[in-house]
Amino acid sequence: MSVVEIIVSVLVVLATLLVVATAFALWRAPDALTRVNVLGPTTSVALPILLVAKVIHDASLGELDANNIVRAVIAIAGLWLIAAVGSYYIGRSIYGVTVVDERAGVDHRDVSTKR
């Protein structure tokens, strides 16, 4: 086994451990909002580690070109962006924060007298 294969194997095992830890944390999380927050290690660390391991493996085989590096960088950046925005909006919807309409339930004819 070469040094590059050991590095790739360590990265894959590390990513696997993060995914397993996230699965256990999801199982033990008390509510939905906590479950959304627990997904962070998998989406922001484990999946980019797998992409980096793939790039390193391709480089060791001599099959690496600029196209694959650009794809990996775009995939990691997109993953970080989509995971952050997605978890934010899922968290907001779970938390139930809504805009309060002060005139809700008020008869429109009485609006001028209520001010």
PDB file of N, CA and C in Angstrom:
ATOM      1  N   MET A   1       0.842  -1.177   0.000  1.00  0.00           N
ATOM      2  CA  MET A   1       0.000   0.000   0.000  1.00  0.00           C
ATOM      3  C   MET A   1       0.889   1.243   0.000  1.00  0.00           C
ATOM      4  N   SER A   2       0.604   2.145  -0.912  1.00  0.00           N
ATOM      5  CA  SER A   2       1.418   3.350  -1.006  1.00  0.00           C
ATOM      6  C   SER A   2       0.938   4.399  -0.004  1.00  0.00           C
ATOM      7  N   VAL A   3       1.728   5.441   0.127  1.00  0.00           N
ATOM      8  CA  VAL A   3       1.399   6.521   1.062  1.00  0.00           C
ATOM      9  C   VAL A   3       0.110   7.217   0.642  1.00  0.00           C
ATOM     10  N   VAL A   4      -0.073   7.391  -0.659  1.00  0.00           N
ATOM     11  CA  VAL A   4      -1.282   8.056  -1.153  1.00  0.00           C
ATOM     12  C   VAL A   4      -2.520   7.223  -0.843  1.00  0.00           C
ATOM     13  N   GLU A   5      -2.415   5.915  -1.013  1.00  0.00           N
ATOM     14  CA  GLU A   5      -3.546   5.045  -0.691  1.00  0.00           C
ATOM     15  C   GLU A   5      -3.876   5.090   0.791  1.00  0.00           C
ATOM     16  N   ILE A   6      -2.867   5.192   1.635  1.00  0.00           N
ATOM     17  CA  ILE A   6      -3.100   5.303   3.078  1.00  0.00           C
ATOM     18  C   ILE A   6      -3.802   6.620   3.394  1.00  0.00           C
ATOM     19  N   ILE A   7      -3.359   7.705   2.766  1.00  0.00           N
ATOM     20  CA  ILE A   7      -3.994   9.008   2.999  1.00  0.00           C
ATOM     21  C   ILE A   7      -5.455   8.978   2.552  1.00  0.00           C
ATOM     22  N   VAL A   8      -5.711   8.424   1.380  1.00  0.00           N
ATOM     23  CA  VAL A   8      -7.084   8.331   0.877  1.00  0.00           C
ATOM     24  C   VAL A   8      -7.927   7.460   1.795  1.00  0.00           C
ATOM     25  N   SER A   9      -7.371   6.344   2.256  1.00  0.00           N
ATOM     26  CA  SER A   9      -8.105   5.456   3.159  1.00  0.00           C
ATOM     27  C   SER A   9      -8.433   6.138   4.476  1.00  0.00           C
ATOM     28  N   VAL A  10      -7.484   6.889   5.009  1.00  0.00           N
ATOM     29  CA  VAL A  10      -7.725   7.609   6.265  1.00  0.00           C
ATOM     30  C   VAL A  10      -8.822   8.651   6.074  1.00  0.00           C
ATOM     31  N   LEU A  11      -8.799   9.364   4.959  1.00  0.00           N
ATOM     32  CA  LEU A  11      -9.832  10.362   4.695  1.00  0.00           C
ATOM     33  C   LEU A  11     -11.213   9.721   4.559  1.00  0.00           C
ATOM     34  N   VAL A  12     -11.283   8.593   3.876  1.00  0.00           N
ATOM     35  CA  VAL A  12     -12.566   7.909   3.712  1.00  0.00           C
ATOM     36  C   VAL A  12     -13.073   7.386   5.052  1.00  0.00           C
ATOM     37  N   VAL A  13     -12.185   6.821   5.860  1.00  0.00           N
ATOM     38  CA  VAL A  13     -12.593   6.334   7.183  1.00  0.00           C
ATOM     39  C   VAL A  13     -13.042   7.493   8.068  1.00  0.00           C
ATOM     40  N   LEU A  14     -12.342   8.617   8.011  1.00  0.00           N
ATOM     41  CA  LEU A  14     -12.736   9.796   8.785  1.00  0.00           C
ATOM     42  C   LEU A  14     -14.118  10.286   8.366  1.00  0.00           C
ATOM     43  N   ALA A  15     -14.368  10.358   7.068  1.00  0.00           N
ATOM     44  CA  ALA A  15     -15.685  10.772   6.581  1.00  0.00           C
ATOM     45  C   ALA A  15     -16.764   9.787   7.022  1.00  0.00           C
ATOM     46  N   THR A  16     -16.445   8.503   6.993  1.00  0.00           N
ATOM     47  CA  THR A  16     -17.401   7.491   7.438  1.00  0.00           C
ATOM     48  C   THR A  16     -17.714   7.641   8.917  1.00  0.00           C
ATOM     49  N   LEU A  17     -16.700   7.897   9.722  1.00  0.00           N
ATOM     50  CA  LEU A  17     -16.930   8.101  11.155  1.00  0.00           C
ATOM     51  C   LEU A  17     -17.805   9.325  11.415  1.00  0.00           C
ATOM     52  N   LEU A  18     -17.601  10.382  10.647  1.00  0.00           N
ATOM     53  CA  LEU A  18     -18.447  11.566  10.797  1.00  0.00           C
ATOM     54  C   LEU A  18     -19.899  11.270  10.426  1.00  0.00           C
ATOM     55  N   VAL A  19     -20.105  10.498   9.374  1.00  0.00           N
ATOM     56  CA  VAL A  19     -21.465  10.142   8.972  1.00  0.00           C
ATOM     57  C   VAL A  19     -22.124   9.265  10.030  1.00  0.00           C
ATOM     58  N   VAL A  20     -21.386   8.303  10.571  1.00  0.00           N
ATOM     59  CA  VAL A  20     -21.936   7.438  11.620  1.00  0.00           C
ATOM     60  C   VAL A  20     -22.233   8.244  12.882  1.00  0.00           C
ATOM     61  N   ALA A  21     -21.339   9.153  13.246  1.00  0.00           N
ATOM     62  CA  ALA A  21     -21.586  10.002  14.415  1.00  0.00           C
ATOM     63  C   ALA A  21     -22.816  10.873  14.206  1.00  0.00           C
ATOM     64  N   THR A  22     -22.996  11.373  12.997  1.00  0.00           N
ATOM     65  CA  THR A  22     -24.188  12.167  12.699  1.00  0.00           C
ATOM     66  C   THR A  22     -25.441  11.312  12.792  1.00  0.00           C
ATOM     67  N   ALA A  23     -25.367  10.074  12.323  1.00  0.00           N
ATOM     68  CA  ALA A  23     -26.530   9.183  12.411  1.00  0.00           C
ATOM     69  C   ALA A  23     -26.909   8.922  13.864  1.00  0.00           C
ATOM     70  N   PHE A  24     -25.924   8.673  14.720  1.00  0.00           N
ATOM     71  CA  PHE A  24     -26.226   8.477  16.141  1.00  0.00           C
ATOM     72  C   PHE A  24     -26.769   9.746  16.780  1.00  0.00           C
ATOM     73  N   ALA A  25     -26.209  10.884  16.405  1.00  0.00           N
ATOM     74  CA  ALA A  25     -26.693  12.148  16.966  1.00  0.00           C
ATOM     75  C   ALA A  25     -28.118  12.442  16.503  1.00  0.00           C
ATOM     76  N   LEU A  26     -28.433  12.113  15.256  1.00  0.00           N
ATOM     77  CA  LEU A  26     -29.806  12.291  14.780  1.00  0.00           C
ATOM     78  C   LEU A  26     -30.772  11.412  15.555  1.00  0.00           C
ATOM     79  N   TRP A  27     -30.330  10.224  15.866  1.00  0.00           N
ATOM     80  CA  TRP A  27     -31.174   9.288  16.589  1.00  0.00           C
ATOM     81  C   TRP A  27     -31.446   9.787  18.008  1.00  0.00           C
ATOM     82  N   ARG A  28     -30.477  10.448  18.594  1.00  0.00           N
ATOM     83  CA  ARG A  28     -30.602  10.892  19.978  1.00  0.00           C
ATOM     84  C   ARG A  28     -31.106  12.322  20.127  1.00  0.00           C
ATOM     85  N   ALA A  29     -31.248  13.043  19.033  1.00  0.00           N
ATOM     86  CA  ALA A  29     -31.683  14.440  19.104  1.00  0.00           C
ATOM     87  C   ALA A  29     -33.130  14.514  19.592  1.00  0.00           C
ATOM     88  N   PRO A  30     -33.408  15.443  20.508  1.00  0.00           N
ATOM     89  CA  PRO A  30     -34.738  15.486  21.109  1.00  0.00           C
ATOM     90  C   PRO A  30     -35.823  16.084  20.223  1.00  0.00           C
ATOM     91  N   ASP A  31     -35.477  16.975  19.314  1.00  0.00           N
ATOM     92  CA  ASP A  31     -36.508  17.614  18.500  1.00  0.00           C
ATOM     93  C   ASP A  31     -36.003  17.835  17.078  1.00  0.00           C
ATOM     94  N   ALA A  32     -36.902  18.284  16.226  1.00  0.00           N
ATOM     95  CA  ALA A  32     -36.573  18.434  14.808  1.00  0.00           C
ATOM     96  C   ALA A  32     -35.542  19.534  14.563  1.00  0.00           C
ATOM     97  N   LEU A  33     -35.602  20.604  15.319  1.00  0.00           N
ATOM     98  CA  LEU A  33     -34.648  21.698  15.126  1.00  0.00           C
ATOM     99  C   LEU A  33     -33.225  21.244  15.439  1.00  0.00           C
ATOM    100  N   THR A  34     -33.067  20.453  16.475  1.00  0.00           N
ATOM    101  CA  THR A  34     -31.749  19.920  16.813  1.00  0.00           C
ATOM    102  C   THR A  34     -31.270  18.954  15.735  1.00  0.00           C
ATOM    103  N   ARG A  35     -32.180  18.181  15.165  1.00  0.00           N
ATOM    104  CA  ARG A  35     -31.799  17.249  14.103  1.00  0.00           C
ATOM    105  C   ARG A  35     -31.263  17.980  12.876  1.00  0.00           C
ATOM    106  N   VAL A  36     -31.854  19.134  12.570  1.00  0.00           N
ATOM    107  CA  VAL A  36     -31.356  19.916  11.436  1.00  0.00           C
ATOM    108  C   VAL A  36     -29.944  20.400  11.719  1.00  0.00           C
ATOM    109  N   ASN A  37     -29.685  20.841  12.937  1.00  0.00           N
ATOM    110  CA  ASN A  37     -28.358  21.344  13.292  1.00  0.00           C
ATOM    111  C   ASN A  37     -27.311  20.236  13.339  1.00  0.00           C
ATOM    112  N   VAL A  38     -27.735  19.020  13.617  1.00  0.00           N
ATOM    113  CA  VAL A  38     -26.803  17.896  13.729  1.00  0.00           C
ATOM    114  C   VAL A  38     -26.264  17.481  12.358  1.00  0.00           C
ATOM    115  N   LEU A  39     -26.947  17.840  11.298  1.00  0.00           N
ATOM    116  CA  LEU A  39     -26.509  17.452   9.955  1.00  0.00           C
ATOM    117  C   LEU A  39     -25.265  18.197   9.491  1.00  0.00           C
ATOM    118  N   GLY A  40     -24.823  19.189  10.234  1.00  0.00           N
ATOM    119  CA  GLY A  40     -23.668  19.996   9.852  1.00  0.00           C
ATOM    120  C   GLY A  40     -22.391  19.221   9.592  1.00  0.00           C
ATOM    121  N   PRO A  41     -21.972  18.324  10.472  1.00  0.00           N
ATOM    122  CA  PRO A  41     -20.718  17.598  10.223  1.00  0.00           C
ATOM    123  C   PRO A  41     -20.725  16.777   8.933  1.00  0.00           C
ATOM    124  N   THR A  42     -21.867  16.206   8.592  1.00  0.00           N
ATOM    125  CA  THR A  42     -21.914  15.412   7.366  1.00  0.00           C
ATOM    126  C   THR A  42     -21.882  16.295   6.132  1.00  0.00           C
ATOM    127  N   THR A  43     -22.719  17.325   6.122  1.00  0.00           N
ATOM    128  CA  THR A  43     -22.821  18.132   4.908  1.00  0.00           C
ATOM    129  C   THR A  43     -21.646  19.074   4.707  1.00  0.00           C
ATOM    130  N   SER A  44     -21.040  19.537   5.782  1.00  0.00           N
ATOM    131  CA  SER A  44     -19.982  20.532   5.603  1.00  0.00           C
ATOM    132  C   SER A  44     -18.573  19.981   5.781  1.00  0.00           C
ATOM    133  N   VAL A  45     -18.432  18.781   6.318  1.00  0.00           N
ATOM    134  CA  VAL A  45     -17.092  18.231   6.528  1.00  0.00           C
ATOM    135  C   VAL A  45     -16.920  16.877   5.836  1.00  0.00           C
ATOM    136  N   ALA A  46     -17.812  15.934   6.083  1.00  0.00           N
ATOM    137  CA  ALA A  46     -17.621  14.568   5.588  1.00  0.00           C
ATOM    138  C   ALA A  46     -17.687  14.484   4.061  1.00  0.00           C
ATOM    139  N   LEU A  47     -18.671  15.105   3.459  1.00  0.00           N
ATOM    140  CA  LEU A  47     -18.778  15.027   2.001  1.00  0.00           C
ATOM    141  C   LEU A  47     -17.633  15.747   1.284  1.00  0.00           C
ATOM    142  N   PRO A  48     -17.201  16.942   1.739  1.00  0.00           N
ATOM    143  CA  PRO A  48     -16.000  17.521   1.117  1.00  0.00           C
ATOM    144  C   PRO A  48     -14.746  16.670   1.310  1.00  0.00           C
ATOM    145  N   ILE A  49     -14.631  15.990   2.453  1.00  0.00           N
ATOM    146  CA  ILE A  49     -13.481  15.102   2.658  1.00  0.00           C
ATOM    147  C   ILE A  49     -13.495  13.974   1.628  1.00  0.00           C
ATOM    148  N   LEU A  50     -14.672  13.436   1.337  1.00  0.00           N
ATOM    149  CA  LEU A  50     -14.766  12.391   0.317  1.00  0.00           C
ATOM    150  C   LEU A  50     -14.378  12.919  -1.063  1.00  0.00           C
ATOM    151  N   LEU A  51     -14.776  14.143  -1.367  1.00  0.00           N
ATOM    152  CA  LEU A  51     -14.388  14.728  -2.654  1.00  0.00           C
ATOM    153  C   LEU A  51     -12.880  14.949  -2.740  1.00  0.00           C
ATOM    154  N   VAL A  52     -12.281  15.407  -1.659  1.00  0.00           N
ATOM    155  CA  VAL A  52     -10.827  15.598  -1.634  1.00  0.00           C
ATOM    156  C   VAL A  52     -10.116  14.253  -1.770  1.00  0.00           C
ATOM    157  N   ALA A  53     -10.642  13.221  -1.114  1.00  0.00           N
ATOM    158  CA  ALA A  53     -10.048  11.889  -1.231  1.00  0.00           C
ATOM    159  C   ALA A  53     -10.105  11.394  -2.676  1.00  0.00           C
ATOM    160  N   LYS A  54     -11.201  11.662  -3.359  1.00  0.00           N
ATOM    161  CA  LYS A  54     -11.324  11.266  -4.769  1.00  0.00           C
ATOM    162  C   LYS A  54     -10.313  12.006  -5.644  1.00  0.00           C
ATOM    163  N   VAL A  55     -10.130  13.295  -5.388  1.00  0.00           N
ATOM    164  CA  VAL A  55      -9.155  14.071  -6.165  1.00  0.00           C
ATOM    165  C   VAL A  55      -7.740  13.553  -5.913  1.00  0.00           C
ATOM    166  N   ILE A  56      -7.423  13.255  -4.661  1.00  0.00           N
ATOM    167  CA  ILE A  56      -6.092  12.721  -4.336  1.00  0.00           C
ATOM    168  C   ILE A  56      -5.881  11.364  -5.005  1.00  0.00           C
ATOM    169  N   HIS A  57      -6.916  10.533  -4.987  1.00  0.00           N
ATOM    170  CA  HIS A  57      -6.812   9.217  -5.621  1.00  0.00           C
ATOM    171  C   HIS A  57      -6.608   9.350  -7.128  1.00  0.00           C
ATOM    172  N   ASP A  58      -7.354  10.249  -7.756  1.00  0.00           N
ATOM    173  CA  ASP A  58      -7.163  10.477  -9.192  1.00  0.00           C
ATOM    174  C   ASP A  58      -5.762  10.998  -9.493  1.00  0.00           C
ATOM    175  N   ALA A  59      -5.250  11.867  -8.632  1.00  0.00           N
ATOM    176  CA  ALA A  59      -3.900  12.400  -8.837  1.00  0.00           C
ATOM    177  C   ALA A  59      -2.855  11.298  -8.725  1.00  0.00           C
ATOM    178  N   SER A  60      -3.081  10.349  -7.826  1.00  0.00           N
ATOM    179  CA  SER A  60      -2.105   9.265  -7.670  1.00  0.00           C
ATOM    180  C   SER A  60      -2.102   8.324  -8.869  1.00  0.00           C
ATOM    181  N   LEU A  61      -3.238   8.216  -9.554  1.00  0.00           N
ATOM    182  CA  LEU A  61      -3.315   7.358 -10.738  1.00  0.00           C
ATOM    183  C   LEU A  61      -2.883   8.076 -12.010  1.00  0.00           C
ATOM    184  N   GLY A  62      -2.655   9.373 -11.913  1.00  0.00           N
ATOM    185  CA  GLY A  62      -2.267  10.147 -13.082  1.00  0.00           C
ATOM    186  C   GLY A  62      -3.439  10.542 -13.954  1.00  0.00           C
ATOM    187  N   GLU A  63      -4.648  10.412 -13.446  1.00  0.00           N
ATOM    188  CA  GLU A  63      -5.848  10.729 -14.213  1.00  0.00           C
ATOM    189  C   GLU A  63      -6.428  12.092 -13.854  1.00  0.00           C
ATOM    190  N   LEU A  64      -5.673  12.893 -13.160  1.00  0.00           N
ATOM    191  CA  LEU A  64      -6.182  14.181 -12.701  1.00  0.00           C
ATOM    192  C   LEU A  64      -5.936  15.248 -13.755  1.00  0.00           C
ATOM    193  N   ASP A  65      -6.969  16.001 -14.039  1.00  0.00           N
ATOM    194  CA  ASP A  65      -6.812  17.150 -14.919  1.00  0.00           C
ATOM    195  C   ASP A  65      -7.501  18.351 -14.276  1.00  0.00           C
ATOM    196  N   ALA A  66      -7.335  19.500 -14.884  1.00  0.00           N
ATOM    197  CA  ALA A  66      -7.884  20.737 -14.316  1.00  0.00           C
ATOM    198  C   ALA A  66      -9.404  20.684 -14.234  1.00  0.00           C
ATOM    199  N   ASN A  67     -10.035  19.984 -15.154  1.00  0.00           N
ATOM    200  CA  ASN A  67     -11.487  19.872 -15.160  1.00  0.00           C
ATOM    201  C   ASN A  67     -11.994  19.205 -13.883  1.00  0.00           C
ATOM    202  N   ASN A  68     -11.329  18.134 -13.456  1.00  0.00           N
ATOM    203  CA  ASN A  68     -11.757  17.442 -12.238  1.00  0.00           C
ATOM    204  C   ASN A  68     -11.526  18.287 -10.988  1.00  0.00           C
ATOM    205  N   ILE A  69     -10.451  19.044 -10.972  1.00  0.00           N
ATOM    206  CA  ILE A  69     -10.191  19.915  -9.817  1.00  0.00           C
ATOM    207  C   ILE A  69     -11.252  21.006  -9.731  1.00  0.00           C
ATOM    208  N   VAL A  70     -11.576  21.607 -10.869  1.00  0.00           N
ATOM    209  CA  VAL A  70     -12.608  22.651 -10.882  1.00  0.00           C
ATOM    210  C   VAL A  70     -13.955  22.073 -10.474  1.00  0.00           C
ATOM    211  N   ARG A  71     -14.271  20.886 -10.954  1.00  0.00           N
ATOM    212  CA  ARG A  71     -15.525  20.235 -10.556  1.00  0.00           C
ATOM    213  C   ARG A  71     -15.577  19.991  -9.051  1.00  0.00           C
ATOM    214  N   ALA A  72     -14.480  19.530  -8.487  1.00  0.00           N
ATOM    215  CA  ALA A  72     -14.448  19.266  -7.047  1.00  0.00           C
ATOM    216  C   ALA A  72     -14.605  20.555  -6.248  1.00  0.00           C
ATOM    217  N   VAL A  73     -13.926  21.611  -6.671  1.00  0.00           N
ATOM    218  CA  VAL A  73     -14.029  22.892  -5.959  1.00  0.00           C
ATOM    219  C   VAL A  73     -15.445  23.445  -6.059  1.00  0.00           C
ATOM    220  N   ILE A  74     -16.048  23.381  -7.240  1.00  0.00           N
ATOM    221  CA  ILE A  74     -17.422  23.864  -7.407  1.00  0.00           C
ATOM    222  C   ILE A  74     -18.387  23.010  -6.593  1.00  0.00           C
ATOM    223  N   ALA A  75     -18.167  21.701  -6.568  1.00  0.00           N
ATOM    224  CA  ALA A  75     -19.041  20.820  -5.789  1.00  0.00           C
ATOM    225  C   ALA A  75     -18.947  21.122  -4.302  1.00  0.00           C
ATOM    226  N   ILE A  76     -17.744  21.345  -3.800  1.00  0.00           N
ATOM    227  CA  ILE A  76     -17.576  21.656  -2.376  1.00  0.00           C
ATOM    228  C   ILE A  76     -18.204  23.008  -2.049  1.00  0.00           C
ATOM    229  N   ALA A  77     -17.955  24.012  -2.885  1.00  0.00           N
ATOM    230  CA  ALA A  77     -18.547  25.337  -2.637  1.00  0.00           C
ATOM    231  C   ALA A  77     -20.067  25.279  -2.723  1.00  0.00           C
ATOM    232  N   GLY A  78     -20.580  24.577  -3.710  1.00  0.00           N
ATOM    233  CA  GLY A  78     -22.030  24.430  -3.828  1.00  0.00           C
ATOM    234  C   GLY A  78     -22.630  23.676  -2.663  1.00  0.00           C
ATOM    235  N   LEU A  79     -21.936  22.659  -2.222  1.00  0.00           N
ATOM    236  CA  LEU A  79     -22.413  21.888  -1.074  1.00  0.00           C
ATOM    237  C   LEU A  79     -22.480  22.750   0.173  1.00  0.00           C
ATOM    238  N   TRP A  80     -21.436  23.536   0.414  1.00  0.00           N
ATOM    239  CA  TRP A  80     -21.439  24.422   1.582  1.00  0.00           C
ATOM    240  C   TRP A  80     -22.551  25.454   1.488  1.00  0.00           C
ATOM    241  N   LEU A  81     -22.730  26.036   0.318  1.00  0.00           N
ATOM    242  CA  LEU A  81     -23.753  27.065   0.144  1.00  0.00           C
ATOM    243  C   LEU A  81     -25.152  26.482   0.290  1.00  0.00           C
ATOM    244  N   ILE A  82     -25.418  25.397  -0.391  1.00  0.00           N
ATOM    245  CA  ILE A  82     -26.751  24.799  -0.344  1.00  0.00           C
ATOM    246  C   ILE A  82     -27.056  24.251   1.042  1.00  0.00           C
ATOM    247  N   ALA A  83     -26.080  23.651   1.705  1.00  0.00           N
ATOM    248  CA  ALA A  83     -26.307  23.122   3.050  1.00  0.00           C
ATOM    249  C   ALA A  83     -26.599  24.243   4.037  1.00  0.00           C
ATOM    250  N   ALA A  84     -25.875  25.346   3.925  1.00  0.00           N
ATOM    251  CA  ALA A  84     -26.097  26.458   4.849  1.00  0.00           C
ATOM    252  C   ALA A  84     -27.465  27.091   4.642  1.00  0.00           C
ATOM    253  N   VAL A  85     -27.789  27.384   3.402  1.00  0.00           N
ATOM    254  CA  VAL A  85     -29.077  28.022   3.117  1.00  0.00           C
ATOM    255  C   VAL A  85     -30.226  27.062   3.401  1.00  0.00           C
ATOM    256  N   GLY A  86     -30.071  25.818   3.000  1.00  0.00           N
ATOM    257  CA  GLY A  86     -31.122  24.834   3.236  1.00  0.00           C
ATOM    258  C   GLY A  86     -31.387  24.594   4.707  1.00  0.00           C
ATOM    259  N   SER A  87     -30.340  24.451   5.499  1.00  0.00           N
ATOM    260  CA  SER A  87     -30.553  24.221   6.933  1.00  0.00           C
ATOM    261  C   SER A  87     -31.137  25.453   7.605  1.00  0.00           C
ATOM    262  N   TYR A  88     -30.777  26.643   7.111  1.00  0.00           N
ATOM    263  CA  TYR A  88     -31.354  27.867   7.669  1.00  0.00           C
ATOM    264  C   TYR A  88     -32.867  27.891   7.438  1.00  0.00           C
ATOM    265  N   TYR A  89     -33.284  27.642   6.206  1.00  0.00           N
ATOM    266  CA  TYR A  89     -34.711  27.706   5.914  1.00  0.00           C
ATOM    267  C   TYR A  89     -35.482  26.550   6.539  1.00  0.00           C
ATOM    268  N   ILE A  90     -34.895  25.389   6.609  1.00  0.00           N
ATOM    269  CA  ILE A  90     -35.562  24.280   7.293  1.00  0.00           C
ATOM    270  C   ILE A  90     -35.704  24.593   8.775  1.00  0.00           C
ATOM    271  N   GLY A  91     -34.654  25.142   9.361  1.00  0.00           N
ATOM    272  CA  GLY A  91     -34.724  25.527  10.771  1.00  0.00           C
ATOM    273  C   GLY A  91     -35.768  26.585  11.028  1.00  0.00           C
ATOM    274  N   ARG A  92     -35.860  27.564  10.138  1.00  0.00           N
ATOM    275  CA  ARG A  92     -36.879  28.605  10.300  1.00  0.00           C
ATOM    276  C   ARG A  92     -38.278  28.019  10.196  1.00  0.00           C
ATOM    277  N   SER A  93     -38.481  27.101   9.271  1.00  0.00           N
ATOM    278  CA  SER A  93     -39.813  26.524   9.121  1.00  0.00           C
ATOM    279  C   SER A  93     -40.161  25.620  10.294  1.00  0.00           C
ATOM    280  N   ILE A  94     -39.177  24.936  10.832  1.00  0.00           N
ATOM    281  CA  ILE A  94     -39.436  24.076  11.985  1.00  0.00           C
ATOM    282  C   ILE A  94     -39.694  24.909  13.226  1.00  0.00           C
ATOM    283  N   TYR A  95     -38.918  25.960  13.383  1.00  0.00           N
ATOM    284  CA  TYR A  95     -39.059  26.810  14.564  1.00  0.00           C
ATOM    285  C   TYR A  95     -40.396  27.530  14.566  1.00  0.00           C
ATOM    286  N   GLY A  96     -40.953  27.766  13.413  1.00  0.00           N
ATOM    287  CA  GLY A  96     -42.280  28.361  13.334  1.00  0.00           C
ATOM    288  C   GLY A  96     -42.308  29.863  13.498  1.00  0.00           C
ATOM    289  N   VAL A  97     -41.254  30.532  13.102  1.00  0.00           N
ATOM    290  CA  VAL A  97     -41.242  31.984  13.181  1.00  0.00           C
ATOM    291  C   VAL A  97     -42.080  32.525  12.028  1.00  0.00           C
ATOM    292  N   THR A  98     -43.080  33.307  12.373  1.00  0.00           N
ATOM    293  CA  THR A  98     -43.944  33.876  11.349  1.00  0.00           C
ATOM    294  C   THR A  98     -44.024  35.381  11.516  1.00  0.00           C
ATOM    295  N   VAL A  99     -44.476  36.026  10.479  1.00  0.00           N
ATOM    296  CA  VAL A  99     -44.708  37.460  10.538  1.00  0.00           C
ATOM    297  C   VAL A  99     -46.067  37.677  11.171  1.00  0.00           C
ATOM    298  N   VAL A 100     -46.109  38.511  12.181  1.00  0.00           N
ATOM    299  CA  VAL A 100     -47.358  38.773  12.881  1.00  0.00           C
ATOM    300  C   VAL A 100     -48.039  39.965  12.221  1.00  0.00           C
ATOM    301  N   ASP A 101     -49.244  39.741  11.774  1.00  0.00           N
ATOM    302  CA  ASP A 101     -50.036  40.816  11.188  1.00  0.00           C
ATOM    303  C   ASP A 101     -50.874  41.423  12.298  1.00  0.00           C
ATOM    304  N   GLU A 102     -50.606  42.675  12.612  1.00  0.00           N
ATOM    305  CA  GLU A 102     -51.304  43.319  13.724  1.00  0.00           C
ATOM    306  C   GLU A 102     -52.781  43.522  13.427  1.00  0.00           C
ATOM    307  N   ARG A 103     -53.144  43.551  12.164  1.00  0.00           N
ATOM    308  CA  ARG A 103     -54.540  43.784  11.813  1.00  0.00           C
ATOM    309  C   ARG A 103     -55.303  42.489  11.580  1.00  0.00           C
ATOM    310  N   ALA A 104     -54.684  41.353  11.814  1.00  0.00           N
ATOM    311  CA  ALA A 104     -55.360  40.081  11.583  1.00  0.00           C
ATOM    312  C   ALA A 104     -56.547  39.950  12.525  1.00  0.00           C
ATOM    313  N   GLY A 105     -57.653  39.588  11.974  1.00  0.00           N
ATOM    314  CA  GLY A 105     -58.852  39.412  12.777  1.00  0.00           C
ATOM    315  C   GLY A 105     -59.598  40.704  13.072  1.00  0.00           C
ATOM    316  N   VAL A 106     -59.095  41.840  12.573  1.00  0.00           N
ATOM    317  CA  VAL A 106     -59.743  43.125  12.805  1.00  0.00           C
ATOM    318  C   VAL A 106     -60.611  43.447  11.599  1.00  0.00           C
ATOM    319  N   ASP A 107     -61.793  43.911  11.866  1.00  0.00           N
ATOM    320  CA  ASP A 107     -62.689  44.304  10.790  1.00  0.00           C
ATOM    321  C   ASP A 107     -62.097  45.515  10.076  1.00  0.00           C
ATOM    322  N   HIS A 108     -62.045  45.482   8.756  1.00  0.00           N
ATOM    323  CA  HIS A 108     -61.419  46.557   7.987  1.00  0.00           C
ATOM    324  C   HIS A 108     -62.139  47.889   8.161  1.00  0.00           C
ATOM    325  N   ARG A 109     -63.390  47.868   8.538  1.00  0.00           N
ATOM    326  CA  ARG A 109     -64.118  49.121   8.746  1.00  0.00           C
ATOM    327  C   ARG A 109     -63.667  49.801  10.027  1.00  0.00           C
ATOM    328  N   ASP A 110     -63.116  49.023  10.980  1.00  0.00           N
ATOM    329  CA  ASP A 110     -62.711  49.582  12.264  1.00  0.00           C
ATOM    330  C   ASP A 110     -61.233  49.953  12.313  1.00  0.00           C
ATOM    331  N   VAL A 111     -60.501  49.807  11.235  1.00  0.00           N
ATOM    332  CA  VAL A 111     -59.060  50.055  11.235  1.00  0.00           C
ATOM    333  C   VAL A 111     -58.757  51.514  11.543  1.00  0.00           C
ATOM    334  N   SER A 112     -59.504  52.440  10.982  1.00  0.00           N
ATOM    335  CA  SER A 112     -59.220  53.857  11.199  1.00  0.00           C
ATOM    336  C   SER A 112     -59.501  54.272  12.637  1.00  0.00           C
ATOM    337  N   THR A 113     -60.422  53.631  13.321  1.00  0.00           N
ATOM    338  CA  THR A 113     -60.733  54.002  14.701  1.00  0.00           C
ATOM    339  C   THR A 113     -59.796  53.351  15.700  1.00  0.00           C
ATOM    340  N   LYS A 114     -59.103  52.286  15.328  1.00  0.00           N
ATOM    341  CA  LYS A 114     -58.230  51.563  16.258  1.00  0.00           C
ATOM    342  C   LYS A 114     -56.884  52.235  16.424  1.00  0.00           C
ATOM    343  N   ARG A 115     -56.493  53.115  15.544  1.00  0.00           N
ATOM    344  CA  ARG A 115     -55.160  53.715  15.602  1.00  0.00           C
ATOM    345  C   ARG A 115     -55.110  54.742  16.614  1.00  0.00           C
TER     346      ARG A 115
END
